[in-house]
Amino acid sequence: MKIKWLGQAAFLITAENGTRIITDPYEAGMGLNYGEINETADIVTVSHEHFDHNNVAAVKGNPTVIRGAGTIEAKGIKFQGVPSFHDDSGGKERGENTIFCFDVDGARICHLGDLGHQLDDQQAAMLGQVDILLIPVGGTFTVDAEAASQICDKLAPRVVIPMHFRTPRCGLPIADAAKFLEDKKNVSKRDSSEVELTSYNLPASRQIIVLLPAR
């Protein structure tokens, strides 16, 4: 599969059979200066209804849109939505958030959306074994670097791809990825927005892959 970071929490995941999944498509503006999303997809996941995560209208084609908790199948892929919150006060500040897990080409991907708290044991059990973790690290509106590191330890993914952090094109009041990457081993900073992964070449020990935003 190919995983392309479009910016913020939006990724384009392309399976070997050509199925295209976009996570949390953003709307540019209000401090988010990534370019407009103009990709075509078969499936779109939306973790919550904020402007930088729910711009389904920008996605071309006629995608199946997946929202909320529960298990839904689309294009032969099962998506498991695990309920969580956008803050650490039970959603009182910023509402609910859905974590999505799904298998692509034999690897289990977990997109945490705008998770704002530590995972409890029940949530971790629902997520199961995670191979590739897409995790927010910028703090303020999501978990910060320290909490993100603890979540990585709890889920023990083989690949971690940070998202939702400050970049030259993101002017939101969030941190960059430096604190999260501090003292981490096996960090690969790519000079592109895309990485290709397969279930049989995932690293034996955890690797953090930092991508450049595509837009």
N, C-alpha and C. Protein backbone atom coordinates (compact mmCIF):
# COMPACT_ATOMS: atom_id res chain seq x y z
N MET A 1 0.84 -1.20 0.00
CA MET A 1 0.00 0.00 0.00
C MET A 1 0.88 1.25 0.00
N LYS A 2 0.27 2.35 -0.43
CA LYS A 2 0.94 3.64 -0.37
C LYS A 2 0.17 4.54 0.60
N ILE A 3 0.90 5.22 1.46
CA ILE A 3 0.30 6.16 2.41
C ILE A 3 0.86 7.54 2.11
N LYS A 4 -0.03 8.46 1.78
CA LYS A 4 0.37 9.83 1.41
C LYS A 4 -0.26 10.81 2.38
N TRP A 5 0.56 11.62 3.02
CA TRP A 5 0.06 12.63 3.96
C TRP A 5 -0.32 13.87 3.19
N LEU A 6 -1.61 14.19 3.19
CA LEU A 6 -2.09 15.39 2.50
C LEU A 6 -1.92 16.63 3.36
N GLY A 7 -1.88 16.45 4.68
CA GLY A 7 -1.77 17.55 5.63
C GLY A 7 -2.75 17.37 6.77
N GLN A 8 -2.43 17.96 7.93
CA GLN A 8 -3.27 17.86 9.13
C GLN A 8 -3.51 16.39 9.49
N ALA A 9 -4.74 15.90 9.47
CA ALA A 9 -5.01 14.48 9.75
C ALA A 9 -5.47 13.74 8.50
N ALA A 10 -5.27 14.34 7.34
CA ALA A 10 -5.74 13.77 6.08
C ALA A 10 -4.63 12.94 5.42
N PHE A 11 -4.95 11.69 5.15
CA PHE A 11 -4.06 10.79 4.42
C PHE A 11 -4.82 10.18 3.25
N LEU A 12 -4.09 9.92 2.18
CA LEU A 12 -4.60 9.10 1.09
C LEU A 12 -3.90 7.76 1.18
N ILE A 13 -4.67 6.70 1.39
CA ILE A 13 -4.13 5.35 1.51
C ILE A 13 -4.60 4.57 0.29
N THR A 14 -3.65 4.09 -0.49
CA THR A 14 -3.98 3.38 -1.73
C THR A 14 -3.56 1.93 -1.60
N ALA A 15 -4.54 1.02 -1.68
CA ALA A 15 -4.26 -0.41 -1.58
C ALA A 15 -3.66 -0.93 -2.88
N GLU A 16 -3.11 -2.13 -2.82
CA GLU A 16 -2.50 -2.73 -4.00
C GLU A 16 -3.51 -2.93 -5.12
N ASN A 17 -4.78 -3.14 -4.77
CA ASN A 17 -5.81 -3.33 -5.81
C ASN A 17 -6.39 -2.02 -6.32
N GLY A 18 -5.84 -0.90 -5.85
CA GLY A 18 -6.27 0.41 -6.34
C GLY A 18 -7.32 1.10 -5.49
N THR A 19 -7.87 0.43 -4.48
CA THR A 19 -8.85 1.08 -3.59
C THR A 19 -8.20 2.24 -2.88
N ARG A 20 -8.90 3.38 -2.86
CA ARG A 20 -8.34 4.62 -2.30
C ARG A 20 -9.19 5.08 -1.12
N ILE A 21 -8.51 5.31 0.00
CA ILE A 21 -9.16 5.75 1.24
C ILE A 21 -8.57 7.09 1.64
N ILE A 22 -9.43 8.05 1.95
CA ILE A 22 -8.98 9.33 2.50
C ILE A 22 -9.51 9.46 3.91
N THR A 23 -8.63 9.83 4.83
CA THR A 23 -9.01 10.05 6.22
C THR A 23 -9.13 11.54 6.50
N ASP A 24 -10.14 11.93 7.22
CA ASP A 24 -10.31 13.29 7.75
C ASP A 24 -9.90 14.41 6.78
N PRO A 25 -10.60 14.53 5.65
CA PRO A 25 -10.26 15.61 4.71
C PRO A 25 -10.53 16.99 5.33
N TYR A 26 -9.57 17.88 5.18
CA TYR A 26 -9.67 19.20 5.80
C TYR A 26 -10.22 20.23 4.82
N GLU A 27 -10.65 21.35 5.38
CA GLU A 27 -10.99 22.53 4.59
C GLU A 27 -9.93 23.57 4.86
N ALA A 28 -9.30 24.07 3.81
CA ALA A 28 -8.24 25.06 3.98
C ALA A 28 -8.80 26.37 4.50
N GLY A 29 -7.98 27.09 5.26
CA GLY A 29 -8.37 28.37 5.81
C GLY A 29 -8.32 28.39 7.32
N MET A 30 -8.54 29.55 7.89
CA MET A 30 -8.55 29.72 9.35
C MET A 30 -7.26 29.22 9.99
N GLY A 31 -6.15 29.55 9.35
CA GLY A 31 -4.85 29.15 9.87
C GLY A 31 -4.31 27.86 9.30
N LEU A 32 -5.14 27.17 8.55
CA LEU A 32 -4.71 25.92 7.92
C LEU A 32 -4.47 26.21 6.44
N ASN A 33 -3.20 26.33 6.07
CA ASN A 33 -2.86 26.83 4.75
C ASN A 33 -2.38 25.75 3.79
N TYR A 34 -2.77 24.52 4.04
CA TYR A 34 -2.50 23.47 3.06
C TYR A 34 -3.37 23.71 1.83
N GLY A 35 -2.94 23.21 0.70
CA GLY A 35 -3.72 23.37 -0.52
C GLY A 35 -5.01 22.58 -0.47
N GLU A 36 -5.94 22.96 -1.31
CA GLU A 36 -7.23 22.28 -1.35
C GLU A 36 -7.05 20.80 -1.73
N ILE A 37 -7.84 19.95 -1.10
CA ILE A 37 -7.82 18.53 -1.46
C ILE A 37 -8.56 18.35 -2.78
N ASN A 38 -7.91 17.67 -3.71
CA ASN A 38 -8.56 17.43 -5.01
C ASN A 38 -8.40 15.97 -5.44
N GLU A 39 -8.22 15.09 -4.47
CA GLU A 39 -8.03 13.67 -4.74
C GLU A 39 -9.37 12.96 -4.96
N THR A 40 -9.30 11.86 -5.66
CA THR A 40 -10.45 10.97 -5.82
C THR A 40 -10.31 9.81 -4.83
N ALA A 41 -11.41 9.38 -4.23
CA ALA A 41 -11.35 8.27 -3.29
C ALA A 41 -12.58 7.39 -3.41
N ASP A 42 -12.43 6.15 -2.96
CA ASP A 42 -13.56 5.22 -2.87
C ASP A 42 -14.23 5.28 -1.51
N ILE A 43 -13.44 5.63 -0.49
CA ILE A 43 -13.92 5.64 0.89
C ILE A 43 -13.34 6.85 1.60
N VAL A 44 -14.14 7.49 2.44
CA VAL A 44 -13.67 8.60 3.28
C VAL A 44 -14.09 8.31 4.72
N THR A 45 -13.14 8.45 5.65
CA THR A 45 -13.47 8.34 7.07
C THR A 45 -13.43 9.73 7.70
N VAL A 46 -14.37 9.96 8.62
CA VAL A 46 -14.48 11.25 9.30
C VAL A 46 -14.50 10.98 10.81
N SER A 47 -13.49 11.44 11.51
CA SER A 47 -13.39 11.15 12.95
C SER A 47 -14.31 12.05 13.77
N HIS A 48 -14.58 13.27 13.28
CA HIS A 48 -15.47 14.19 13.98
C HIS A 48 -15.78 15.36 13.06
N GLU A 49 -16.74 16.20 13.48
CA GLU A 49 -17.29 17.19 12.57
C GLU A 49 -16.68 18.58 12.74
N HIS A 50 -15.37 18.69 12.72
CA HIS A 50 -14.69 19.98 12.69
C HIS A 50 -14.17 20.24 11.29
N PHE A 51 -14.02 21.52 10.94
CA PHE A 51 -13.74 21.91 9.56
C PHE A 51 -12.46 21.29 9.01
N ASP A 52 -11.51 21.02 9.88
CA ASP A 52 -10.24 20.49 9.41
C ASP A 52 -10.22 18.96 9.37
N HIS A 53 -11.43 18.35 9.46
CA HIS A 53 -11.53 16.89 9.44
C HIS A 53 -12.71 16.36 8.65
N ASN A 54 -13.66 17.19 8.26
CA ASN A 54 -14.92 16.67 7.70
C ASN A 54 -15.29 17.23 6.33
N ASN A 55 -14.30 17.68 5.57
CA ASN A 55 -14.59 18.30 4.27
C ASN A 55 -14.77 17.23 3.19
N VAL A 56 -15.79 16.43 3.37
CA VAL A 56 -16.07 15.33 2.44
C VAL A 56 -16.35 15.86 1.03
N ALA A 57 -16.95 17.02 0.94
CA ALA A 57 -17.32 17.57 -0.36
C ALA A 57 -16.11 17.82 -1.26
N ALA A 58 -14.93 17.95 -0.67
CA ALA A 58 -13.74 18.21 -1.48
C ALA A 58 -13.22 16.96 -2.18
N VAL A 59 -13.64 15.79 -1.73
CA VAL A 59 -13.13 14.54 -2.28
C VAL A 59 -13.89 14.19 -3.55
N LYS A 60 -13.17 13.93 -4.61
CA LYS A 60 -13.78 13.63 -5.90
C LYS A 60 -14.23 12.17 -5.95
N GLY A 61 -15.09 11.88 -6.93
CA GLY A 61 -15.66 10.55 -7.05
C GLY A 61 -16.96 10.47 -6.26
N ASN A 62 -17.39 9.29 -5.95
CA ASN A 62 -18.60 9.08 -5.17
C ASN A 62 -18.27 8.17 -4.00
N PRO A 63 -17.46 8.67 -3.05
CA PRO A 63 -16.95 7.78 -1.99
C PRO A 63 -18.01 7.39 -0.96
N THR A 64 -17.84 6.22 -0.40
CA THR A 64 -18.61 5.82 0.77
C THR A 64 -18.03 6.56 1.97
N VAL A 65 -18.88 7.25 2.73
CA VAL A 65 -18.41 8.05 3.87
C VAL A 65 -18.71 7.28 5.15
N ILE A 66 -17.70 7.13 5.98
CA ILE A 66 -17.83 6.36 7.21
C ILE A 66 -17.63 7.26 8.40
N ARG A 67 -18.63 7.26 9.27
CA ARG A 67 -18.61 8.07 10.48
C ARG A 67 -19.06 7.23 11.67
N GLY A 68 -18.59 7.55 12.85
CA GLY A 68 -19.13 7.00 14.07
C GLY A 68 -18.64 5.61 14.42
N ALA A 69 -19.05 5.18 15.63
CA ALA A 69 -18.60 3.90 16.18
C ALA A 69 -19.32 2.73 15.53
N GLY A 70 -18.70 1.57 15.64
CA GLY A 70 -19.28 0.36 15.08
C GLY A 70 -18.44 -0.17 13.95
N THR A 71 -18.88 -1.28 13.34
CA THR A 71 -18.16 -1.91 12.24
C THR A 71 -18.94 -1.76 10.94
N ILE A 72 -18.28 -1.22 9.95
CA ILE A 72 -18.89 -1.01 8.63
C ILE A 72 -17.93 -1.56 7.57
N GLU A 73 -18.48 -2.24 6.58
CA GLU A 73 -17.66 -2.76 5.50
C GLU A 73 -17.90 -1.96 4.23
N ALA A 74 -16.82 -1.60 3.56
CA ALA A 74 -16.91 -0.89 2.29
C ALA A 74 -15.78 -1.36 1.39
N LYS A 75 -16.09 -1.67 0.15
CA LYS A 75 -15.09 -2.15 -0.82
C LYS A 75 -14.31 -3.33 -0.29
N GLY A 76 -14.96 -4.19 0.50
CA GLY A 76 -14.31 -5.37 1.04
C GLY A 76 -13.41 -5.11 2.23
N ILE A 77 -13.41 -3.89 2.75
CA ILE A 77 -12.58 -3.53 3.91
C ILE A 77 -13.48 -3.26 5.10
N LYS A 78 -13.19 -3.88 6.23
CA LYS A 78 -13.96 -3.64 7.45
C LYS A 78 -13.33 -2.50 8.24
N PHE A 79 -14.16 -1.52 8.54
CA PHE A 79 -13.72 -0.36 9.33
C PHE A 79 -14.35 -0.47 10.71
N GLN A 80 -13.50 -0.45 11.72
CA GLN A 80 -13.99 -0.50 13.09
C GLN A 80 -13.84 0.88 13.71
N GLY A 81 -14.96 1.47 14.09
CA GLY A 81 -14.95 2.78 14.75
C GLY A 81 -15.03 2.61 16.25
N VAL A 82 -14.06 3.12 16.95
CA VAL A 82 -13.99 3.01 18.41
C VAL A 82 -14.27 4.39 19.01
N PRO A 83 -15.29 4.51 19.86
CA PRO A 83 -15.63 5.82 20.43
C PRO A 83 -14.55 6.34 21.38
N SER A 84 -14.33 7.64 21.30
CA SER A 84 -13.37 8.31 22.17
C SER A 84 -13.77 9.77 22.24
N PHE A 85 -12.90 10.61 22.80
CA PHE A 85 -13.23 12.03 22.96
C PHE A 85 -12.12 12.92 22.42
N HIS A 86 -12.53 14.14 22.09
CA HIS A 86 -11.63 15.14 21.52
C HIS A 86 -10.87 15.88 22.63
N ASP A 87 -11.15 15.57 23.87
CA ASP A 87 -10.51 16.23 25.01
C ASP A 87 -10.36 15.22 26.14
N ASP A 88 -9.83 15.66 27.26
CA ASP A 88 -9.65 14.75 28.39
C ASP A 88 -10.70 14.98 29.48
N SER A 89 -11.83 15.56 29.08
CA SER A 89 -12.92 15.79 30.04
C SER A 89 -14.23 15.17 29.54
N GLY A 90 -14.11 14.02 28.89
CA GLY A 90 -15.30 13.30 28.43
C GLY A 90 -16.08 13.99 27.34
N GLY A 91 -15.42 14.82 26.56
CA GLY A 91 -16.08 15.51 25.45
C GLY A 91 -16.73 16.83 25.81
N LYS A 92 -16.60 17.27 27.06
CA LYS A 92 -17.26 18.51 27.48
C LYS A 92 -16.68 19.74 26.79
N GLU A 93 -15.41 19.68 26.39
CA GLU A 93 -14.77 20.84 25.75
C GLU A 93 -14.91 20.83 24.23
N ARG A 94 -14.64 19.67 23.62
CA ARG A 94 -14.60 19.64 22.15
C ARG A 94 -15.40 18.49 21.53
N GLY A 95 -16.10 17.74 22.35
CA GLY A 95 -16.98 16.73 21.79
C GLY A 95 -16.35 15.36 21.60
N GLU A 96 -17.03 14.56 20.78
CA GLU A 96 -16.63 13.17 20.57
C GLU A 96 -15.65 13.04 19.41
N ASN A 97 -14.99 11.90 19.38
CA ASN A 97 -14.01 11.57 18.35
C ASN A 97 -14.11 10.08 18.09
N THR A 98 -13.95 9.68 16.84
CA THR A 98 -13.95 8.26 16.51
C THR A 98 -12.58 7.83 16.01
N ILE A 99 -12.05 6.78 16.61
CA ILE A 99 -10.82 6.16 16.15
C ILE A 99 -11.21 5.10 15.13
N PHE A 100 -10.52 5.05 14.00
CA PHE A 100 -10.82 4.04 12.99
C PHE A 100 -9.64 3.09 12.80
N CYS A 101 -9.95 1.79 12.82
CA CYS A 101 -8.99 0.75 12.50
C CYS A 101 -9.49 -0.04 11.30
N PHE A 102 -8.59 -0.39 10.40
CA PHE A 102 -8.97 -1.15 9.21
C PHE A 102 -7.73 -1.82 8.64
N ASP A 103 -7.96 -2.94 7.98
CA ASP A 103 -6.86 -3.72 7.38
C ASP A 103 -6.75 -3.41 5.90
N VAL A 104 -5.53 -3.12 5.48
CA VAL A 104 -5.24 -2.90 4.07
C VAL A 104 -4.03 -3.75 3.70
N ASP A 105 -4.20 -4.62 2.73
CA ASP A 105 -3.10 -5.47 2.25
C ASP A 105 -2.41 -6.22 3.38
N GLY A 106 -3.19 -6.70 4.34
CA GLY A 106 -2.65 -7.52 5.41
C GLY A 106 -2.04 -6.76 6.57
N ALA A 107 -2.12 -5.44 6.56
CA ALA A 107 -1.58 -4.62 7.66
C ALA A 107 -2.73 -3.84 8.30
N ARG A 108 -2.74 -3.79 9.63
CA ARG A 108 -3.81 -3.09 10.35
C ARG A 108 -3.39 -1.65 10.62
N ILE A 109 -4.20 -0.73 10.10
CA ILE A 109 -3.96 0.71 10.23
C ILE A 109 -4.90 1.26 11.29
N CYS A 110 -4.39 2.15 12.12
CA CYS A 110 -5.21 2.83 13.13
C CYS A 110 -5.02 4.33 12.98
N HIS A 111 -6.12 5.04 12.72
CA HIS A 111 -6.12 6.50 12.61
C HIS A 111 -6.85 7.04 13.84
N LEU A 112 -6.13 7.79 14.67
CA LEU A 112 -6.67 8.22 15.95
C LEU A 112 -7.53 9.47 15.88
N GLY A 113 -7.62 10.11 14.70
CA GLY A 113 -8.40 11.34 14.62
C GLY A 113 -7.83 12.39 15.55
N ASP A 114 -8.70 13.16 16.18
CA ASP A 114 -8.26 14.18 17.14
C ASP A 114 -8.41 13.66 18.57
N LEU A 115 -7.80 12.54 18.84
CA LEU A 115 -7.85 11.96 20.18
C LEU A 115 -7.27 12.95 21.19
N GLY A 116 -8.02 13.17 22.29
CA GLY A 116 -7.58 14.15 23.28
C GLY A 116 -7.26 13.58 24.64
N HIS A 117 -7.11 12.26 24.75
CA HIS A 117 -6.90 11.64 26.06
C HIS A 117 -6.16 10.32 25.90
N GLN A 118 -5.71 9.77 27.00
CA GLN A 118 -5.10 8.46 26.98
C GLN A 118 -6.15 7.39 26.68
N LEU A 119 -5.73 6.32 26.07
CA LEU A 119 -6.62 5.20 25.81
C LEU A 119 -6.75 4.34 27.06
N ASP A 120 -7.97 3.93 27.36
CA ASP A 120 -8.12 3.00 28.48
C ASP A 120 -7.93 1.57 27.95
N ASP A 121 -7.90 0.60 28.86
CA ASP A 121 -7.62 -0.78 28.47
C ASP A 121 -8.69 -1.34 27.53
N GLN A 122 -9.94 -0.94 27.74
CA GLN A 122 -11.01 -1.42 26.89
C GLN A 122 -10.86 -0.92 25.47
N GLN A 123 -10.53 0.36 25.31
CA GLN A 123 -10.33 0.92 23.98
C GLN A 123 -9.14 0.25 23.29
N ALA A 124 -8.06 0.06 24.03
CA ALA A 124 -6.89 -0.59 23.46
C ALA A 124 -7.21 -2.01 23.01
N ALA A 125 -8.01 -2.72 23.81
CA ALA A 125 -8.40 -4.08 23.45
C ALA A 125 -9.26 -4.09 22.19
N MET A 126 -10.13 -3.11 22.05
CA MET A 126 -10.98 -3.01 20.86
C MET A 126 -10.13 -2.75 19.61
N LEU A 127 -9.07 -1.98 19.75
CA LEU A 127 -8.21 -1.67 18.62
C LEU A 127 -7.37 -2.88 18.21
N GLY A 128 -7.01 -3.70 19.19
CA GLY A 128 -6.22 -4.90 18.90
C GLY A 128 -4.80 -4.58 18.49
N GLN A 129 -4.19 -5.53 17.80
CA GLN A 129 -2.81 -5.35 17.34
C GLN A 129 -2.78 -4.35 16.19
N VAL A 130 -2.04 -3.27 16.39
CA VAL A 130 -1.92 -2.22 15.38
C VAL A 130 -0.56 -2.31 14.71
N ASP A 131 -0.56 -2.33 13.38
CA ASP A 131 0.70 -2.35 12.64
C ASP A 131 1.19 -0.94 12.31
N ILE A 132 0.26 -0.09 11.85
CA ILE A 132 0.60 1.26 11.41
C ILE A 132 -0.30 2.24 12.16
N LEU A 133 0.30 3.14 12.92
CA LEU A 133 -0.45 4.08 13.76
C LEU A 133 -0.29 5.49 13.22
N LEU A 134 -1.40 6.15 12.91
CA LEU A 134 -1.43 7.55 12.49
C LEU A 134 -1.90 8.35 13.69
N ILE A 135 -1.00 9.14 14.27
CA ILE A 135 -1.24 9.70 15.60
C ILE A 135 -1.00 11.21 15.66
N PRO A 136 -1.93 11.97 16.26
CA PRO A 136 -1.70 13.40 16.45
C PRO A 136 -0.66 13.62 17.55
N VAL A 137 0.19 14.63 17.37
CA VAL A 137 1.26 14.87 18.35
C VAL A 137 1.38 16.34 18.74
N GLY A 138 0.54 17.22 18.17
CA GLY A 138 0.73 18.66 18.33
C GLY A 138 0.16 19.27 19.59
N GLY A 139 -0.65 18.52 20.34
CA GLY A 139 -1.21 19.08 21.57
C GLY A 139 -2.26 20.15 21.31
N THR A 140 -2.65 20.86 22.35
CA THR A 140 -3.68 21.90 22.37
C THR A 140 -5.07 21.33 22.10
N PHE A 141 -5.30 20.84 20.89
CA PHE A 141 -6.60 20.27 20.53
C PHE A 141 -6.59 18.74 20.58
N THR A 142 -5.43 18.16 20.75
CA THR A 142 -5.27 16.71 20.77
C THR A 142 -4.28 16.34 21.87
N VAL A 143 -3.95 15.06 21.96
CA VAL A 143 -2.88 14.67 22.87
C VAL A 143 -1.58 15.36 22.46
N ASP A 144 -0.75 15.62 23.46
CA ASP A 144 0.54 16.25 23.19
C ASP A 144 1.61 15.18 22.99
N ALA A 145 2.86 15.63 22.89
CA ALA A 145 3.96 14.72 22.59
C ALA A 145 4.11 13.62 23.65
N GLU A 146 4.01 13.99 24.91
CA GLU A 146 4.18 13.01 25.98
C GLU A 146 3.07 11.97 25.96
N ALA A 147 1.83 12.44 25.85
CA ALA A 147 0.70 11.51 25.81
C ALA A 147 0.75 10.63 24.57
N ALA A 148 1.15 11.21 23.43
CA ALA A 148 1.27 10.43 22.20
C ALA A 148 2.31 9.33 22.36
N SER A 149 3.40 9.63 23.02
CA SER A 149 4.44 8.63 23.25
C SER A 149 3.90 7.48 24.10
N GLN A 150 3.11 7.81 25.11
CA GLN A 150 2.53 6.79 25.98
C GLN A 150 1.55 5.91 25.20
N ILE A 151 0.79 6.51 24.30
CA ILE A 151 -0.14 5.75 23.48
C ILE A 151 0.62 4.79 22.56
N CYS A 152 1.72 5.27 22.00
CA CYS A 152 2.54 4.40 21.16
C CYS A 152 3.04 3.19 21.95
N ASP A 153 3.45 3.43 23.18
CA ASP A 153 3.92 2.32 24.01
C ASP A 153 2.79 1.35 24.32
N LYS A 154 1.59 1.87 24.51
CA LYS A 154 0.46 1.01 24.86
C LYS A 154 0.02 0.15 23.68
N LEU A 155 -0.02 0.72 22.48
CA LEU A 155 -0.49 0.00 21.31
C LEU A 155 0.62 -0.79 20.61
N ALA A 156 1.86 -0.39 20.82
CA ALA A 156 3.02 -1.09 20.26
C ALA A 156 2.95 -1.32 18.76
N PRO A 157 2.70 -0.26 17.98
CA PRO A 157 2.69 -0.42 16.53
C PRO A 157 4.10 -0.62 15.99
N ARG A 158 4.19 -1.15 14.79
CA ARG A 158 5.51 -1.32 14.17
C ARG A 158 5.92 -0.08 13.38
N VAL A 159 4.93 0.68 12.92
CA VAL A 159 5.20 1.94 12.22
C VAL A 159 4.33 3.03 12.83
N VAL A 160 4.93 4.18 13.10
CA VAL A 160 4.21 5.35 13.63
C VAL A 160 4.40 6.49 12.64
N ILE A 161 3.30 7.11 12.23
CA ILE A 161 3.37 8.29 11.35
C ILE A 161 2.68 9.44 12.07
N PRO A 162 3.44 10.45 12.51
CA PRO A 162 2.84 11.60 13.20
C PRO A 162 1.98 12.44 12.26
N MET A 163 0.96 13.08 12.84
CA MET A 163 0.08 13.98 12.09
C MET A 163 -0.41 15.08 13.04
N HIS A 164 -1.15 16.01 12.49
CA HIS A 164 -1.78 17.07 13.29
C HIS A 164 -0.75 17.79 14.16
N PHE A 165 0.31 18.27 13.50
CA PHE A 165 1.32 19.07 14.18
C PHE A 165 1.65 20.30 13.33
N ARG A 166 2.30 21.24 13.94
CA ARG A 166 2.58 22.52 13.27
C ARG A 166 3.64 22.34 12.17
N THR A 167 3.37 22.92 11.01
CA THR A 167 4.31 22.95 9.90
C THR A 167 4.29 24.38 9.34
N PRO A 168 5.18 24.69 8.40
CA PRO A 168 5.14 26.03 7.82
C PRO A 168 3.80 26.39 7.19
N ARG A 169 2.98 25.39 6.85
CA ARG A 169 1.68 25.65 6.24
C ARG A 169 0.52 25.50 7.23
N CYS A 170 0.84 25.23 8.46
CA CYS A 170 -0.19 25.11 9.49
C CYS A 170 0.07 26.15 10.56
N GLY A 171 -0.80 27.16 10.61
CA GLY A 171 -0.65 28.24 11.58
C GLY A 171 -1.50 28.08 12.82
N LEU A 172 -2.08 26.93 13.01
CA LEU A 172 -2.88 26.70 14.21
C LEU A 172 -1.99 26.67 15.45
N PRO A 173 -2.53 26.99 16.62
CA PRO A 173 -1.72 27.04 17.84
C PRO A 173 -1.42 25.66 18.40
N ILE A 174 -0.66 24.89 17.64
CA ILE A 174 -0.23 23.57 18.07
C ILE A 174 1.28 23.47 17.93
N ALA A 175 1.87 22.48 18.57
CA ALA A 175 3.33 22.32 18.53
C ALA A 175 3.77 21.59 17.27
N ASP A 176 5.04 21.75 16.94
CA ASP A 176 5.58 20.95 15.84
C ASP A 176 5.91 19.55 16.37
N ALA A 177 6.53 18.74 15.55
CA ALA A 177 6.77 17.35 15.92
C ALA A 177 8.05 17.14 16.72
N ALA A 178 8.82 18.21 16.95
CA ALA A 178 10.14 18.05 17.55
C ALA A 178 10.10 17.39 18.93
N LYS A 179 9.18 17.82 19.77
CA LYS A 179 9.10 17.26 21.12
C LYS A 179 8.77 15.77 21.08
N PHE A 180 7.87 15.40 20.20
CA PHE A 180 7.50 13.99 20.08
C PHE A 180 8.68 13.15 19.61
N LEU A 181 9.48 13.69 18.72
CA LEU A 181 10.60 12.95 18.16
C LEU A 181 11.82 12.91 19.07
N GLU A 182 11.84 13.77 20.06
CA GLU A 182 12.99 13.89 20.96
C GLU A 182 13.29 12.55 21.63
N ASP A 183 14.53 12.14 21.55
CA ASP A 183 15.02 10.90 22.19
C ASP A 183 14.40 9.62 21.61
N LYS A 184 13.68 9.72 20.52
CA LYS A 184 13.12 8.52 19.89
C LYS A 184 14.18 7.83 19.02
N LYS A 185 14.10 6.52 18.97
CA LYS A 185 14.98 5.75 18.10
C LYS A 185 14.26 5.45 16.79
N ASN A 186 15.05 5.12 15.78
CA ASN A 186 14.50 4.69 14.48
C ASN A 186 13.53 5.70 13.89
N VAL A 187 13.99 6.95 13.82
CA VAL A 187 13.19 8.02 13.20
C VAL A 187 13.67 8.21 11.76
N SER A 188 12.74 8.15 10.82
CA SER A 188 13.06 8.35 9.41
C SER A 188 12.30 9.57 8.91
N LYS A 189 13.03 10.65 8.64
CA LYS A 189 12.41 11.87 8.12
C LYS A 189 12.51 11.84 6.59
N ARG A 190 11.38 11.71 5.95
CA ARG A 190 11.35 11.58 4.50
C ARG A 190 11.31 12.96 3.84
N ASP A 191 11.81 13.01 2.61
CA ASP A 191 11.75 14.26 1.85
C ASP A 191 10.59 14.23 0.87
N SER A 192 9.59 13.42 1.18
CA SER A 192 8.41 13.32 0.34
C SER A 192 7.18 13.15 1.23
N SER A 193 6.02 13.17 0.60
CA SER A 193 4.76 13.05 1.35
C SER A 193 4.27 11.61 1.41
N GLU A 194 4.98 10.68 0.78
CA GLU A 194 4.44 9.34 0.59
C GLU A 194 5.43 8.27 1.01
N VAL A 195 4.88 7.18 1.56
CA VAL A 195 5.69 6.01 1.89
C VAL A 195 4.94 4.78 1.42
N GLU A 196 5.67 3.80 0.96
CA GLU A 196 5.07 2.54 0.52
C GLU A 196 5.43 1.45 1.53
N LEU A 197 4.41 0.76 2.02
CA LEU A 197 4.60 -0.27 3.03
C LEU A 197 3.86 -1.53 2.61
N THR A 198 4.40 -2.67 3.01
CA THR A 198 3.72 -3.94 2.80
C THR A 198 3.74 -4.72 4.11
N SER A 199 2.82 -5.66 4.24
CA SER A 199 2.73 -6.42 5.49
C SER A 199 3.98 -7.26 5.74
N TYR A 200 4.69 -7.63 4.67
CA TYR A 200 5.86 -8.49 4.84
C TYR A 200 7.17 -7.72 4.97
N ASN A 201 7.16 -6.39 4.84
CA ASN A 201 8.40 -5.65 5.04
C ASN A 201 8.29 -4.61 6.14
N LEU A 202 7.28 -4.75 7.02
CA LEU A 202 7.19 -3.85 8.16
C LEU A 202 8.39 -4.09 9.08
N PRO A 203 8.92 -3.03 9.69
CA PRO A 203 10.11 -3.20 10.53
C PRO A 203 9.85 -4.09 11.73
N ALA A 204 10.88 -4.82 12.16
CA ALA A 204 10.75 -5.69 13.31
C ALA A 204 10.58 -4.90 14.59
N SER A 205 11.26 -3.75 14.69
CA SER A 205 11.11 -2.85 15.83
C SER A 205 10.49 -1.55 15.36
N ARG A 206 9.90 -0.81 16.28
CA ARG A 206 9.12 0.37 15.93
C ARG A 206 9.93 1.39 15.16
N GLN A 207 9.35 1.87 14.07
CA GLN A 207 9.94 2.93 13.27
C GLN A 207 8.97 4.10 13.18
N ILE A 208 9.49 5.30 13.35
CA ILE A 208 8.69 6.52 13.20
C ILE A 208 9.03 7.13 11.84
N ILE A 209 8.02 7.33 11.03
CA ILE A 209 8.22 7.90 9.71
C ILE A 209 7.56 9.26 9.66
N VAL A 210 8.35 10.29 9.42
CA VAL A 210 7.85 11.66 9.35
C VAL A 210 7.77 12.07 7.88
N LEU A 211 6.55 12.37 7.44
CA LEU A 211 6.34 12.74 6.05
C LEU A 211 6.18 14.26 5.90
N LEU A 212 6.40 14.74 4.70
CA LEU A 212 6.10 16.13 4.38
C LEU A 212 4.67 16.22 3.88
N PRO A 213 3.96 17.29 4.21
CA PRO A 213 2.60 17.43 3.69
C PRO A 213 2.63 17.60 2.17
N ALA A 214 1.66 16.97 1.49
CA ALA A 214 1.63 17.00 0.04
C ALA A 214 1.07 18.30 -0.50
N ARG A 215 0.26 18.98 0.29
CA ARG A 215 -0.46 20.14 -0.23
C ARG A 215 0.13 21.46 0.25
